Each structure stands twice: as structure tokens, then as C-alpha cells.
Amino acid sequence: MRRRVLALLGVVALLVTPVVPAAATSTVTNGCVDSVPEPGSSTPVRICYTLFEPAGASARHTVPLIFHSHGWGGSRTKDPAAFKDWLDAGFGVLSFDQRSFGESTGVAHVMNPDYEGRDVVKLVDLVAGLDWVTKQRPGDPLIGAIGGSYGGGYQFAGAFTELRDSGRTRFDALAPEITWWDLKQSLAPQEAARTMWLSILFAGGGTHLPPAVSKAFVALIATGAWPSGQAGRDLTAFFAHNGPAWHVQQGRRLDIPVLLGQGISDNLFNLNQGLANFDRALTARARAKSILVGYNGGHTLPAVVPPGYAAAGDPCSIALGSPNFSALSIRFMRLQLLHQATGLSGFGTYHLSTANGRCLTQHSLTANKRYPLGKIVVPTGVGLPVNLPIAKGPLTIAGTPTVTADVYTVIPRSAAYFALSVGKTALTAKVVQNNTMPLREKHTARGVRRTIELPAIAVDVPAGQNLYLTVAPVADMYAGQRGPLPGMLMLKNGTLRVHLAR
């Protein structure tokens, strides 16, 4: 069994296992790099990886490399069969354990640029020392990245951290799936906790968080509302820098092509998050070379209260000429990294699966239709949803609807949940793609003007059915989120703005 010595400018930890031929198609190496210590420690954190070198790769025949990592609570992929399509297409692959997961050490900071961001940079440094990986210049390997959810978060964390620290990133293309724009906004929009999902996330990896954050996280799940006091400050500070939103606020945007996959029926990192990444995290030049695919899937839980619906499937990857998003990612990287003619088109455009399972392509999602709303009165804390009729089918809505209205409530910490619904009658209407978004008033409100962002969607309303605005006093994704007493919320002088697809 031959051994490969990796000379990596001193960043490789002593723990490097022998190179093992996994099959006739690739060579597999396991190892670790030293990364940034935890606060208050001088001991480097160990970030462990598995490296897959395709057959035929050498210093004379170099190949690009694809980064991969896992979702929250998971660990890296060690089986070369999982990357056969990538290896066969002429790429090397590096799959790694995020900080605190798998064989990696440390504590999970949930994509903080000073920790997980620096971990990714250390791995890019590692790849830059491999003679069989294509270099664009010394120290600048030709690399792309794949992965979903937490495995999408590392892509933005790594690329933006390099951009912050050196003015440019060495990543040449990204393909993140079902990941976030703003982590706090995702976990607790309007500081109303998505308790159903937070409970699942905590069960899968809560012990990996710093102790103070873990304690505050439990309080968030238990109360359904963003914790006040020291615990609240812990969480607010902890999540402050953990996503593209913060980098964009600092004036940074990525100038590389990105293939974004977002679940439209995802009720954790919803389509709103993917649209924000596509519209705001990229330069105009990068966006013209990028694609957004919205499919029915992702982090999906059925909506029972209020009742919702969604179809399964990814018709837009199929419409773009690939059987699924994974195959589309390979075509995208072949084009961007190998400059191969793949026939891929649809750049700079939104490709969204409708709730009934067809692909809708739009060049813009800017609101182009306004519907005046009458006075809306809905109970808070308990009661049935109000379904206000908006328009008759046939019509198609896409993008992010908003409601602007004067809000009245006498009970502090009152919350209501908003969505668009479709049905023949108000009694049979169901929430499109199982998603709601909250309005949470911390204090009493007397005519406070609010703009409420509804879940981003794509939906065909057929003839014989109607579009409704649903305002619900409770929603299962936010279980436990309520004021001290049942109350009433009233909206006046309201307008619903939507994008009508042509």
C-alpha cells in the first residue's frame, strides 16, 4: 500500500492515514488539518476530511476539485461510490467533517466566519498544495463546492470569509442547496421561533453548541419566543455574523457563478432565503452566470394548522435538461470549471416548481399587482384562521408576496401567521406549499404601519378556484408562540402585493 506525503505549509495535522485504492477509479486519503482554536484555548481544532483522487489525475494531468460537506448533526462521506459521477466526470472530491461533528474537534459556531469560515480556508490551503489539482496561479486551486443545508452554509461561510480576509475568494463556483441567507431570520422570523424545527435541530446536534447558547436554545424552544435578557443577548450575538446577510451588510458580494437549489415547500429555510441569496449575495455579473432552481422539497414538515399542501418533485431540473439537482450540479461545474459545452441555459433566471408540480420560469419576480384588503380581524393565541378572498383563477403567482397594513392589538406579544391559500371556497382553502410567516407584535399596537413578508411561492390557481389571504391565530411550525392571553389582531388600510406571472 503506497503512501502519499502531503506537504501543506504546516497546516496538516499529524493524523494522515495511508492512501488506499478504493476502486479502480479513485484513490482515497483520510486526514486532518489544524484550524483556529476555540475561544480561550491555544489548542488547534482538528478538521478531518476524506480526499478522493480520480484515476489518471497527476501533476501532468491535473483536475479541478469539488468540496462537499454534510448537514447539521451529520458527518463526512467516506465511500467513493457516493461520488462516482463526479469522479467519472473528471473531478476530485474532498468531503469533510464540520467543526465538532464526525471526527473533527471543537464546538459548533454554526458558520461563524471566524471559526467555520476559517476551517474552510484551511482546507482550501490544503488543496492548494496538491500537485494533481489544477491551479490557476500558485496557491489558487480550481475548486467548486456542493452540499445542502448546513452543507450549503459552509460554502457561503468559506467564500465570504476569504473575500473578507483577502479581498477575493479562491472558490470558482458554488452549488448550495436548501441553505440560509440570515440564520436568525430563518430560525425565528420576527423573533417568533419555528419551534417544530428547532426541536428537531437541537435533538440532532444541540450538544455541539457552546453551553450558554445551548441553554438559550432550550429556552427558545420552550417559550416559542426569542429569549430576553442575557440568554437573548447570547443568541443575538451568536447568530449575528452567521450567514450571507451579514457579509452583504458589510458591503461584500460574491463575484462567482452559483447554482442555488431551494426547497419551496421547505418550512425551515424557505424560498425567501434562497431568493435573498440569489438577489443580494451575488454581484450583477455573477448573477448573470447563475441559476436558481426552486423545487418542492428540502426541510419539509406537513402543515396541519392551518392546513397546507404541496407536490413532490423537481420539474425545473428536468426542464433544464437534467433528471435531478445533483445531475444539474455536475453539468454546472463541468461548464464553469472545465469549460465544457453542456447545453445548459437559463442563467440569471428563476426556475420555480409550482405547488402542483410544473416548472415556472421568470426573469423577474418584482411585484406587479396590488389587491386592496378590507378590515381583517383575527383572534390571537386560539381560534380559526381567516381566509380573505383575493382573486379568482386562472392566474399564477410567483415570488414573495407582502402585506402592508395598519396593525392594532391590545395584547403584547401577540402573533398571527400569514400565507396565501388556494381552494374553491374559504372553508376548503389550503396554504400553498405548507409555509406561513409570522407577524409578532411585542407591545400593544394602535395603527402601527407594518409590511409583512409572506412565504415566497409559485402557484397556479386554476379556473374554478380562488386565491385567498390566510391569517391564522396559530401555526404548527411555531407551536407555543403566543401572548400571555388570547386576544385580537386587526389590520386596516391594507394592501397585498404579488407578482403575477405572465
Protein backbone atom coordinates (compact mmCIF):
# COMPACT_ATOMS: atom_id res chain seq x y z
CA MET A 1 0.00 0.00 0.00
CA ARG A 2 1.67 3.18 -1.14
CA ARG A 3 1.72 6.34 0.97
CA ARG A 4 1.43 9.94 -0.19
CA VAL A 5 3.15 12.58 1.89
CA LEU A 6 1.17 15.82 1.81
CA ALA A 7 3.41 18.87 2.12
CA LEU A 8 0.91 21.51 3.11
CA LEU A 9 2.77 24.50 4.59
CA GLY A 10 2.46 23.09 8.07
CA VAL A 11 -1.33 23.09 8.26
CA VAL A 12 -1.83 19.33 8.06
CA ALA A 13 -2.22 17.65 11.39
CA LEU A 14 -0.13 14.62 12.19
CA LEU A 15 -3.16 12.42 11.67
CA VAL A 16 -2.94 11.41 7.99
CA THR A 17 -3.81 7.85 7.11
CA PRO A 18 -2.29 5.90 4.25
CA VAL A 19 -3.60 6.33 0.74
CA VAL A 20 -5.84 3.38 -0.09
CA PRO A 21 -7.02 2.35 -3.53
CA ALA A 22 -10.82 2.33 -3.05
CA ALA A 23 -11.52 1.01 -6.51
CA ALA A 24 -10.03 1.09 -9.96
CA THR A 25 -11.45 4.57 -10.34
CA SER A 26 -10.07 6.54 -7.41
CA THR A 27 -7.57 6.80 -4.59
CA VAL A 28 -8.84 7.71 -1.12
CA THR A 29 -6.90 9.61 1.57
CA ASN A 30 -8.09 10.40 5.09
CA GLY A 31 -6.51 13.16 7.13
CA CYS A 32 -6.98 16.25 9.26
CA VAL A 33 -5.81 19.87 9.23
CA ASP A 34 -5.18 22.16 12.18
CA SER A 35 -7.53 25.13 12.38
CA VAL A 36 -8.44 28.04 14.64
CA PRO A 37 -8.57 27.18 18.36
CA GLU A 38 -11.71 27.66 20.39
CA PRO A 39 -12.00 30.90 22.43
CA GLY A 40 -9.80 30.74 25.50
CA SER A 41 -7.73 27.85 24.13
CA SER A 42 -4.41 27.62 22.31
CA THR A 43 -5.02 24.06 21.09
CA PRO A 44 -5.77 23.93 17.36
CA VAL A 45 -9.09 22.42 16.35
CA ARG A 46 -8.74 19.38 14.11
CA ILE A 47 -10.84 19.40 10.90
CA CYS A 48 -10.92 15.95 9.32
CA TYR A 49 -11.52 15.07 5.69
CA THR A 50 -11.59 12.32 3.10
CA LEU A 51 -9.97 13.11 -0.24
CA PHE A 52 -10.91 11.29 -3.46
CA GLU A 53 -8.37 11.45 -6.28
CA PRO A 54 -9.77 10.24 -9.63
CA ALA A 55 -7.88 7.67 -11.67
CA GLY A 56 -5.46 9.29 -14.08
CA ALA A 57 -5.02 12.51 -12.11
CA SER A 58 -1.40 13.56 -11.78
CA ALA A 59 0.89 16.56 -11.83
CA ARG A 60 0.83 16.29 -15.64
CA HIS A 61 -2.92 15.72 -15.86
CA THR A 62 -4.48 17.92 -13.20
CA VAL A 63 -8.20 18.10 -12.37
CA PRO A 64 -10.49 20.55 -10.56
CA LEU A 65 -11.66 19.66 -7.07
CA ILE A 66 -15.15 19.72 -5.54
CA PHE A 67 -15.67 20.41 -1.85
CA HIS A 68 -18.50 18.59 -0.06
CA SER A 69 -19.81 18.55 3.47
CA HIS A 70 -22.75 17.28 5.49
CA GLY A 71 -25.92 18.64 7.05
CA TRP A 72 -26.39 19.59 10.71
CA GLY A 73 -25.62 16.66 13.01
CA GLY A 74 -24.04 14.60 10.21
CA SER A 75 -20.53 13.65 9.19
CA ARG A 76 -18.46 13.45 6.04
CA THR A 77 -18.87 10.91 3.25
CA LYS A 78 -16.08 8.32 3.05
CA ASP A 79 -17.47 5.99 0.38
CA PRO A 80 -16.15 6.79 -3.11
CA ALA A 81 -19.28 5.24 -4.62
CA ALA A 82 -21.19 8.31 -3.40
CA PHE A 83 -19.07 10.50 -5.70
CA LYS A 84 -18.75 8.14 -8.66
CA ASP A 85 -20.50 10.54 -11.05
CA TRP A 86 -18.20 13.38 -10.02
CA LEU A 87 -15.05 11.25 -10.30
CA ASP A 88 -16.17 9.90 -13.68
CA ALA A 89 -16.76 13.47 -14.85
CA GLY A 90 -13.13 14.36 -14.15
CA PHE A 91 -13.27 15.98 -10.71
CA GLY A 92 -11.53 15.22 -7.45
CA VAL A 93 -13.63 15.48 -4.29
CA LEU A 94 -12.90 16.49 -0.70
CA SER A 95 -15.59 15.68 1.89
CA PHE A 96 -15.02 16.98 5.41
CA ASP A 97 -16.43 16.91 8.93
CA GLN A 98 -17.62 20.30 10.13
CA ARG A 99 -16.19 21.64 13.36
CA SER A 100 -17.44 19.50 16.30
CA PHE A 101 -19.01 16.81 14.07
CA GLY A 102 -17.71 13.46 12.92
CA GLU A 103 -14.02 13.18 13.73
CA SER A 104 -13.46 16.95 13.87
CA THR A 105 -12.99 18.60 17.25
CA GLY A 106 -14.12 21.91 18.71
CA VAL A 107 -17.55 23.45 19.24
CA ALA A 108 -20.16 24.28 16.60
CA HIS A 109 -20.42 28.04 15.98
CA VAL A 110 -22.92 27.45 13.15
CA MET A 111 -20.94 29.01 10.28
CA ASN A 112 -19.27 31.88 12.07
CA PRO A 113 -16.64 33.27 9.66
CA ASP A 114 -14.02 33.33 12.43
CA TYR A 115 -14.41 29.60 13.07
CA GLU A 116 -16.16 27.51 10.43
CA GLY A 117 -15.21 30.08 7.79
CA ARG A 118 -11.54 29.78 8.72
CA ASP A 119 -11.86 25.97 8.79
CA VAL A 120 -12.87 26.03 5.12
CA VAL A 121 -9.98 28.35 4.27
CA LYS A 122 -7.55 25.90 5.91
CA LEU A 123 -8.93 23.15 3.68
CA VAL A 124 -8.51 25.33 0.59
CA ASP A 125 -4.90 25.83 1.66
CA LEU A 126 -4.57 22.05 1.86
CA VAL A 127 -5.94 21.58 -1.65
CA ALA A 128 -3.61 24.29 -2.94
CA GLY A 129 -0.68 22.03 -2.01
CA LEU A 130 -1.86 19.01 -4.03
CA ASP A 131 0.07 18.63 -7.29
CA TRP A 132 -2.79 16.84 -9.08
CA VAL A 133 -5.32 19.65 -8.50
CA THR A 134 -5.47 22.29 -11.25
CA LYS A 135 -4.04 25.68 -10.25
CA GLN A 136 -4.97 28.97 -11.86
CA ARG A 137 -1.93 30.55 -10.24
CA PRO A 138 0.33 29.47 -7.36
CA GLY A 139 -1.79 28.83 -4.27
CA ASP A 140 -5.08 29.19 -6.18
CA PRO A 141 -6.68 25.81 -6.89
CA LEU A 142 -9.59 25.42 -9.30
CA ILE A 143 -12.46 24.45 -6.97
CA GLY A 144 -16.22 24.24 -6.67
CA ALA A 145 -18.47 23.22 -3.79
CA ILE A 146 -21.63 21.19 -3.19
CA GLY A 147 -23.81 20.27 -0.23
CA GLY A 148 -27.17 21.02 1.32
CA SER A 149 -28.49 22.79 4.42
CA TYR A 150 -25.51 23.06 6.81
CA GLY A 151 -23.51 21.71 3.87
CA GLY A 152 -24.66 24.73 1.89
CA GLY A 153 -23.84 27.09 4.73
CA TYR A 154 -20.13 26.22 4.71
CA GLN A 155 -19.91 27.25 1.04
CA PHE A 156 -21.03 30.79 1.75
CA ALA A 157 -19.04 30.88 5.01
CA GLY A 158 -15.81 29.85 3.29
CA ALA A 159 -16.16 32.03 0.19
CA PHE A 160 -17.23 35.13 2.13
CA THR A 161 -14.52 34.65 4.77
CA GLU A 162 -11.86 34.61 2.06
CA LEU A 163 -13.44 37.68 0.48
CA ARG A 164 -13.41 39.45 3.84
CA ASP A 165 -9.83 38.49 4.70
CA SER A 166 -8.08 38.79 1.32
CA GLY A 167 -10.42 40.68 -0.98
CA ARG A 168 -11.20 37.65 -3.15
CA THR A 169 -12.24 34.02 -2.86
CA ARG A 170 -10.47 31.05 -4.36
CA PHE A 171 -13.77 29.25 -4.89
CA ASP A 172 -14.69 29.37 -8.57
CA ALA A 173 -18.31 28.13 -8.40
CA LEU A 174 -20.78 27.06 -5.73
CA ALA A 175 -23.87 24.82 -5.74
CA PRO A 176 -25.54 25.18 -2.32
CA GLU A 177 -28.93 23.59 -1.62
CA ILE A 178 -31.64 24.43 0.93
CA THR A 179 -29.46 26.79 2.95
CA TRP A 180 -30.00 30.18 4.55
CA TRP A 181 -29.49 33.89 3.96
CA ASP A 182 -29.99 35.04 7.56
CA LEU A 183 -29.86 32.34 10.23
CA LYS A 184 -31.73 34.17 12.98
CA GLN A 185 -34.41 35.21 10.49
CA SER A 186 -34.75 31.57 9.42
CA LEU A 187 -34.92 30.07 12.90
CA ALA A 188 -37.12 32.77 14.39
CA PRO A 189 -38.61 35.21 11.87
CA GLN A 190 -39.94 38.28 13.66
CA GLU A 191 -38.38 36.60 16.75
CA ALA A 192 -41.16 34.00 16.60
CA ALA A 193 -39.42 30.66 16.94
CA ARG A 194 -40.01 27.83 14.46
CA THR A 195 -40.25 25.52 17.44
CA MET A 196 -41.09 22.37 15.49
CA TRP A 197 -37.85 22.62 13.55
CA LEU A 198 -35.78 23.96 16.42
CA SER A 199 -36.69 20.89 18.47
CA ILE A 200 -35.51 18.62 15.65
CA LEU A 201 -32.30 20.59 15.14
CA PHE A 202 -31.50 20.61 18.85
CA ALA A 203 -32.10 16.87 19.12
CA GLY A 204 -29.71 16.32 16.20
CA GLY A 205 -26.84 18.48 17.40
CA GLY A 206 -27.68 20.73 20.34
CA THR A 207 -24.93 19.25 22.50
CA HIS A 208 -22.35 20.53 19.98
CA LEU A 209 -23.23 24.18 20.72
CA PRO A 210 -21.42 26.30 23.33
CA PRO A 211 -23.09 25.67 26.75
CA ALA A 212 -24.58 29.17 27.13
CA VAL A 213 -26.00 29.05 23.62
CA SER A 214 -27.38 25.56 24.19
CA LYS A 215 -29.17 26.76 27.32
CA ALA A 216 -30.65 29.76 25.49
CA PHE A 217 -31.70 27.48 22.63
CA VAL A 218 -33.68 25.31 25.05
CA ALA A 219 -35.43 28.43 26.38
CA LEU A 220 -36.26 29.44 22.81
CA ILE A 221 -37.87 26.07 22.13
CA ALA A 222 -39.76 26.05 25.43
CA THR A 223 -41.28 29.54 25.11
CA GLY A 224 -41.58 29.87 21.33
CA ALA A 225 -40.32 33.46 21.57
CA TRP A 226 -36.83 34.91 21.31
CA PRO A 227 -35.49 34.89 24.89
CA SER A 228 -34.97 38.22 26.61
CA GLY A 229 -32.18 39.16 28.96
CA GLN A 230 -28.75 37.58 28.91
CA ALA A 231 -29.93 34.47 27.04
CA GLY A 232 -31.39 36.65 24.32
CA ARG A 233 -28.18 38.62 24.02
CA ASP A 234 -26.27 35.34 23.77
CA LEU A 235 -28.38 34.17 20.85
CA THR A 236 -28.50 37.52 19.09
CA ALA A 237 -24.73 37.87 19.27
CA PHE A 238 -24.14 34.22 18.41
CA PHE A 239 -26.15 34.36 15.17
CA ALA A 240 -25.13 37.90 14.17
CA HIS A 241 -22.46 37.01 11.59
CA ASN A 242 -23.62 33.55 10.57
CA GLY A 243 -24.86 33.97 7.02
CA PRO A 244 -24.57 35.92 3.77
CA ALA A 245 -26.87 38.67 5.13
CA TRP A 246 -24.16 39.96 7.48
CA HIS A 247 -21.46 39.96 4.79
CA VAL A 248 -23.71 41.85 2.39
CA GLN A 249 -24.40 44.40 5.15
CA GLN A 250 -20.62 44.86 5.31
CA GLY A 251 -20.51 45.59 1.56
CA ARG A 252 -19.36 42.19 0.32
CA ARG A 253 -20.86 40.23 -2.59
CA LEU A 254 -19.59 37.12 -4.32
CA ASP A 255 -18.45 37.53 -7.91
CA ILE A 256 -18.58 33.85 -8.86
CA PRO A 257 -21.31 31.75 -10.53
CA VAL A 258 -23.70 29.97 -8.18
CA LEU A 259 -26.28 27.25 -8.79
CA LEU A 260 -28.81 27.71 -6.00
CA GLY A 261 -31.28 24.97 -5.12
CA GLN A 262 -34.02 25.92 -2.67
CA GLY A 263 -36.99 23.96 -1.39
CA ILE A 264 -40.22 25.89 -1.98
CA SER A 265 -42.07 23.62 0.44
CA ASP A 266 -39.13 23.94 2.86
CA ASN A 267 -40.54 25.38 6.08
CA LEU A 268 -37.19 25.90 7.79
CA PHE A 269 -35.03 27.63 5.17
CA ASN A 270 -37.86 28.71 2.92
CA LEU A 271 -37.75 30.11 -0.60
CA ASN A 272 -37.48 33.64 0.82
CA GLN A 273 -33.98 32.71 1.99
CA GLY A 274 -32.93 31.36 -1.41
CA LEU A 275 -34.27 34.40 -3.26
CA ALA A 276 -32.38 36.71 -0.91
CA ASN A 277 -29.14 34.82 -1.63
CA PHE A 278 -29.70 34.96 -5.39
CA ASP A 279 -30.80 38.60 -5.46
CA ARG A 280 -28.47 40.09 -2.86
CA ALA A 281 -25.43 37.88 -2.14
CA LEU A 282 -24.09 37.99 -5.73
CA THR A 283 -22.80 40.75 -7.94
CA ALA A 284 -24.85 41.53 -11.04
CA ARG A 285 -22.14 39.91 -13.17
CA ALA A 286 -22.18 36.73 -11.07
CA ARG A 287 -25.97 36.56 -11.07
CA ALA A 288 -26.00 36.68 -14.88
CA LYS A 289 -23.96 33.45 -14.79
CA SER A 290 -26.02 31.85 -12.00
CA ILE A 291 -29.24 29.84 -11.80
CA LEU A 292 -31.87 29.50 -9.08
CA VAL A 293 -33.90 26.29 -9.01
CA GLY A 294 -36.81 26.05 -6.60
CA TYR A 295 -38.14 22.55 -6.07
CA ASN A 296 -40.76 21.00 -3.82
CA GLY A 297 -38.67 19.51 -1.08
CA GLY A 298 -35.99 20.40 1.45
CA HIS A 299 -36.73 20.64 5.16
CA THR A 300 -40.39 19.76 4.89
CA LEU A 301 -42.98 19.14 7.55
CA PRO A 302 -46.66 18.93 6.65
CA ALA A 303 -48.78 21.94 7.61
CA VAL A 304 -51.84 20.80 9.54
CA VAL A 305 -52.68 24.06 11.35
CA PRO A 306 -53.51 25.89 9.16
CA PRO A 307 -53.88 23.09 6.58
CA GLY A 308 -51.49 23.22 3.63
CA TYR A 309 -50.45 21.30 0.54
CA ALA A 310 -47.51 20.77 -1.83
CA ALA A 311 -46.49 18.39 -4.60
CA ALA A 312 -43.22 16.50 -4.53
CA GLY A 313 -40.58 16.66 -7.23
CA ASP A 314 -38.09 18.81 -9.11
CA PRO A 315 -39.61 19.66 -12.51
CA CYS A 316 -37.21 22.55 -13.08
CA SER A 317 -34.02 20.47 -13.08
CA ILE A 318 -35.81 18.27 -15.61
CA ALA A 319 -36.84 21.32 -17.64
CA LEU A 320 -33.19 22.40 -17.67
CA GLY A 321 -32.22 19.03 -19.11
CA SER A 322 -31.15 17.05 -16.02
CA PRO A 323 -33.00 14.32 -14.12
CA ASN A 324 -32.35 15.94 -10.73
CA PHE A 325 -30.45 18.73 -8.98
CA SER A 326 -27.38 16.56 -8.38
CA ALA A 327 -27.00 15.87 -12.12
CA LEU A 328 -27.65 19.55 -12.82
CA SER A 329 -24.83 20.43 -10.41
CA ILE A 330 -22.38 18.25 -12.33
CA ARG A 331 -23.36 19.94 -15.62
CA PHE A 332 -22.99 23.34 -13.97
CA MET A 333 -19.49 22.52 -12.65
CA ARG A 334 -18.43 20.97 -15.96
CA LEU A 335 -19.33 24.24 -17.64
CA GLN A 336 -17.84 26.56 -15.01
CA LEU A 337 -14.67 24.63 -14.09
CA LEU A 338 -13.91 22.50 -17.17
CA HIS A 339 -15.43 24.92 -19.72
CA GLN A 340 -17.18 22.03 -21.44
CA ALA A 341 -20.18 22.63 -23.67
CA THR A 342 -23.06 21.13 -21.69
CA GLY A 343 -26.03 22.82 -23.36
CA LEU A 344 -27.01 24.34 -20.03
CA SER A 345 -29.10 27.51 -20.25
CA GLY A 346 -31.43 29.53 -18.04
CA PHE A 347 -28.80 31.76 -16.44
CA GLY A 348 -29.81 34.83 -14.46
CA THR A 349 -33.33 33.42 -14.19
CA TYR A 350 -35.69 31.99 -11.57
CA HIS A 351 -36.91 28.43 -12.21
CA LEU A 352 -39.64 27.59 -9.69
CA SER A 353 -41.68 24.45 -9.17
CA THR A 354 -45.33 25.31 -8.68
CA ALA A 355 -47.33 23.76 -5.88
CA ASN A 356 -48.90 21.45 -8.45
CA GLY A 357 -45.57 20.31 -9.89
CA ARG A 358 -44.83 22.23 -13.10
CA CYS A 359 -41.76 24.42 -13.75
CA LEU A 360 -42.36 28.16 -13.97
CA THR A 361 -39.52 30.29 -15.37
CA GLN A 362 -39.45 34.02 -14.66
CA HIS A 363 -36.89 36.70 -15.45
CA SER A 364 -38.23 38.97 -12.69
CA LEU A 365 -40.24 38.43 -9.53
CA THR A 366 -40.93 42.11 -8.82
CA ALA A 367 -44.45 42.72 -7.51
CA ASN A 368 -46.68 43.94 -10.36
CA LYS A 369 -50.19 43.62 -8.89
CA ARG A 370 -51.86 45.19 -5.86
CA TYR A 371 -55.02 43.98 -4.16
CA PRO A 372 -56.71 46.26 -1.59
CA LEU A 373 -57.63 44.50 1.62
CA GLY A 374 -60.67 45.21 3.74
CA LYS A 375 -60.53 45.28 7.52
CA ILE A 376 -59.21 41.95 8.81
CA VAL A 377 -59.90 40.82 12.36
CA VAL A 378 -58.32 37.59 13.60
CA PRO A 379 -58.06 36.10 17.10
CA THR A 380 -54.57 35.51 18.52
CA GLY A 381 -53.46 32.56 20.61
CA VAL A 382 -56.53 30.46 19.83
CA GLY A 383 -59.20 30.21 17.15
CA LEU A 384 -59.68 29.52 13.46
CA PRO A 385 -57.86 31.11 10.51
CA VAL A 386 -59.43 33.85 8.43
CA ASN A 387 -59.35 33.25 4.66
CA LEU A 388 -59.92 36.51 2.79
CA PRO A 389 -60.77 36.09 -0.93
CA ILE A 390 -58.28 37.88 -3.20
CA ALA A 391 -58.78 36.79 -6.82
CA LYS A 392 -60.41 34.14 -8.99
CA GLY A 393 -58.43 31.70 -11.14
CA PRO A 394 -56.95 31.15 -13.58
CA LEU A 395 -53.82 33.04 -12.53
CA THR A 396 -50.25 32.29 -11.49
CA ILE A 397 -48.43 33.87 -8.55
CA ALA A 398 -44.67 33.67 -8.01
CA GLY A 399 -42.10 35.29 -5.73
CA THR A 400 -42.50 36.95 -2.34
CA PRO A 401 -45.93 38.50 -1.59
CA THR A 402 -46.17 41.25 1.02
CA VAL A 403 -48.98 42.74 3.08
CA THR A 404 -48.75 46.36 4.21
CA ALA A 405 -51.36 47.48 6.75
CA ASP A 406 -52.06 49.38 9.95
CA VAL A 407 -51.90 46.94 12.87
CA TYR A 408 -53.95 47.12 16.06
CA THR A 409 -53.70 44.86 19.12
CA VAL A 410 -54.13 45.42 22.85
CA ILE A 411 -52.32 42.25 23.97
CA PRO A 412 -48.49 42.43 23.94
CA ARG A 413 -46.54 39.58 22.33
CA SER A 414 -49.49 38.80 20.07
CA ALA A 415 -48.75 36.82 16.91
CA ALA A 416 -50.58 35.92 13.72
CA TYR A 417 -49.43 33.84 10.77
CA PHE A 418 -49.78 34.80 7.11
CA ALA A 419 -49.83 32.85 3.85
CA LEU A 420 -51.55 32.62 0.51
CA SER A 421 -54.01 29.77 0.07
CA VAL A 422 -55.93 28.18 -2.79
CA GLY A 423 -59.31 26.48 -2.81
CA LYS A 424 -62.82 26.50 -4.18
CA THR A 425 -64.15 28.15 -1.03
CA ALA A 426 -62.76 29.79 2.09
CA LEU A 427 -63.60 26.62 4.02
CA THR A 428 -61.60 24.37 1.68
CA ALA A 429 -58.62 26.69 1.03
CA LYS A 430 -55.19 25.26 1.85
CA VAL A 431 -51.89 27.06 2.42
CA VAL A 432 -49.63 26.98 -0.63
CA GLN A 433 -46.53 24.80 -0.18
CA ASN A 434 -47.06 24.36 3.57
CA ASN A 435 -45.50 27.67 4.57
CA THR A 436 -46.53 30.52 6.87
CA MET A 437 -44.73 33.63 8.07
CA PRO A 438 -45.42 35.46 11.34
CA LEU A 439 -46.26 38.95 12.46
CA ARG A 440 -45.37 39.28 16.13
CA GLU A 441 -46.14 42.49 18.00
CA LYS A 442 -44.02 42.77 21.15
CA HIS A 443 -46.14 45.59 22.54
CA THR A 444 -49.64 46.93 22.17
CA ALA A 445 -50.16 48.49 18.73
CA ARG A 446 -52.54 51.24 17.69
CA GLY A 447 -52.35 51.72 13.96
CA VAL A 448 -48.67 50.85 13.58
CA ARG A 449 -47.81 50.58 9.88
CA ARG A 450 -46.24 47.20 9.12
CA THR A 451 -45.03 45.41 6.00
CA ILE A 452 -45.31 41.65 6.44
CA GLU A 453 -43.31 39.35 4.18
CA LEU A 454 -45.32 36.26 3.28
CA PRO A 455 -43.79 32.93 2.24
CA ALA A 456 -42.31 33.07 -1.26
CA ILE A 457 -44.21 30.67 -3.52
CA ALA A 458 -45.05 29.59 -7.05
CA VAL A 459 -48.64 28.54 -7.60
CA ASP A 460 -51.12 28.07 -10.42
CA VAL A 461 -54.67 28.94 -9.36
CA PRO A 462 -56.88 27.08 -11.87
CA ALA A 463 -60.24 28.18 -13.15
CA GLY A 464 -62.94 27.39 -10.64
CA GLN A 465 -60.63 28.01 -7.66
CA ASN A 466 -59.70 31.15 -5.76
CA LEU A 467 -56.66 32.77 -4.19
CA TYR A 468 -57.03 33.67 -0.51
CA LEU A 469 -55.01 35.56 2.05
CA THR A 470 -54.85 33.38 5.15
CA VAL A 471 -54.32 34.98 8.57
CA ALA A 472 -54.17 32.37 11.33
CA PRO A 473 -54.02 32.76 15.13
CA VAL A 474 -51.81 29.68 15.48
CA ALA A 475 -49.49 27.69 13.21
CA ASP A 476 -47.96 24.31 13.96
CA MET A 477 -44.44 25.30 12.88
CA TYR A 478 -44.49 27.91 15.67
CA ALA A 479 -46.09 25.81 18.41
CA GLY A 480 -46.08 27.56 21.79
CA GLN A 481 -45.73 31.04 20.28
CA ARG A 482 -48.50 33.09 21.88
CA GLY A 483 -49.16 36.11 24.04
CA PRO A 484 -49.96 35.93 27.77
CA LEU A 485 -53.71 35.90 26.96
CA PRO A 486 -55.84 35.19 23.92
CA GLY A 487 -56.54 38.41 22.10
CA MET A 488 -57.43 40.02 18.81
CA LEU A 489 -55.37 41.41 15.94
CA MET A 490 -56.85 43.87 13.47
CA LEU A 491 -55.43 45.02 10.13
CA LYS A 492 -56.77 48.15 8.40
CA ASN A 493 -55.92 50.06 5.22
CA GLY A 494 -54.07 47.06 3.89
CA THR A 495 -52.59 46.15 0.50
CA LEU A 496 -51.41 42.77 -0.78
CA ARG A 497 -48.63 43.00 -3.37
CA VAL A 498 -47.80 39.99 -5.53
CA HIS A 499 -46.01 39.08 -8.74
CA LEU A 500 -48.49 37.88 -11.35
CA ALA A 501 -46.66 35.63 -13.79
CA ARG A 502 -47.32 36.43 -17.45
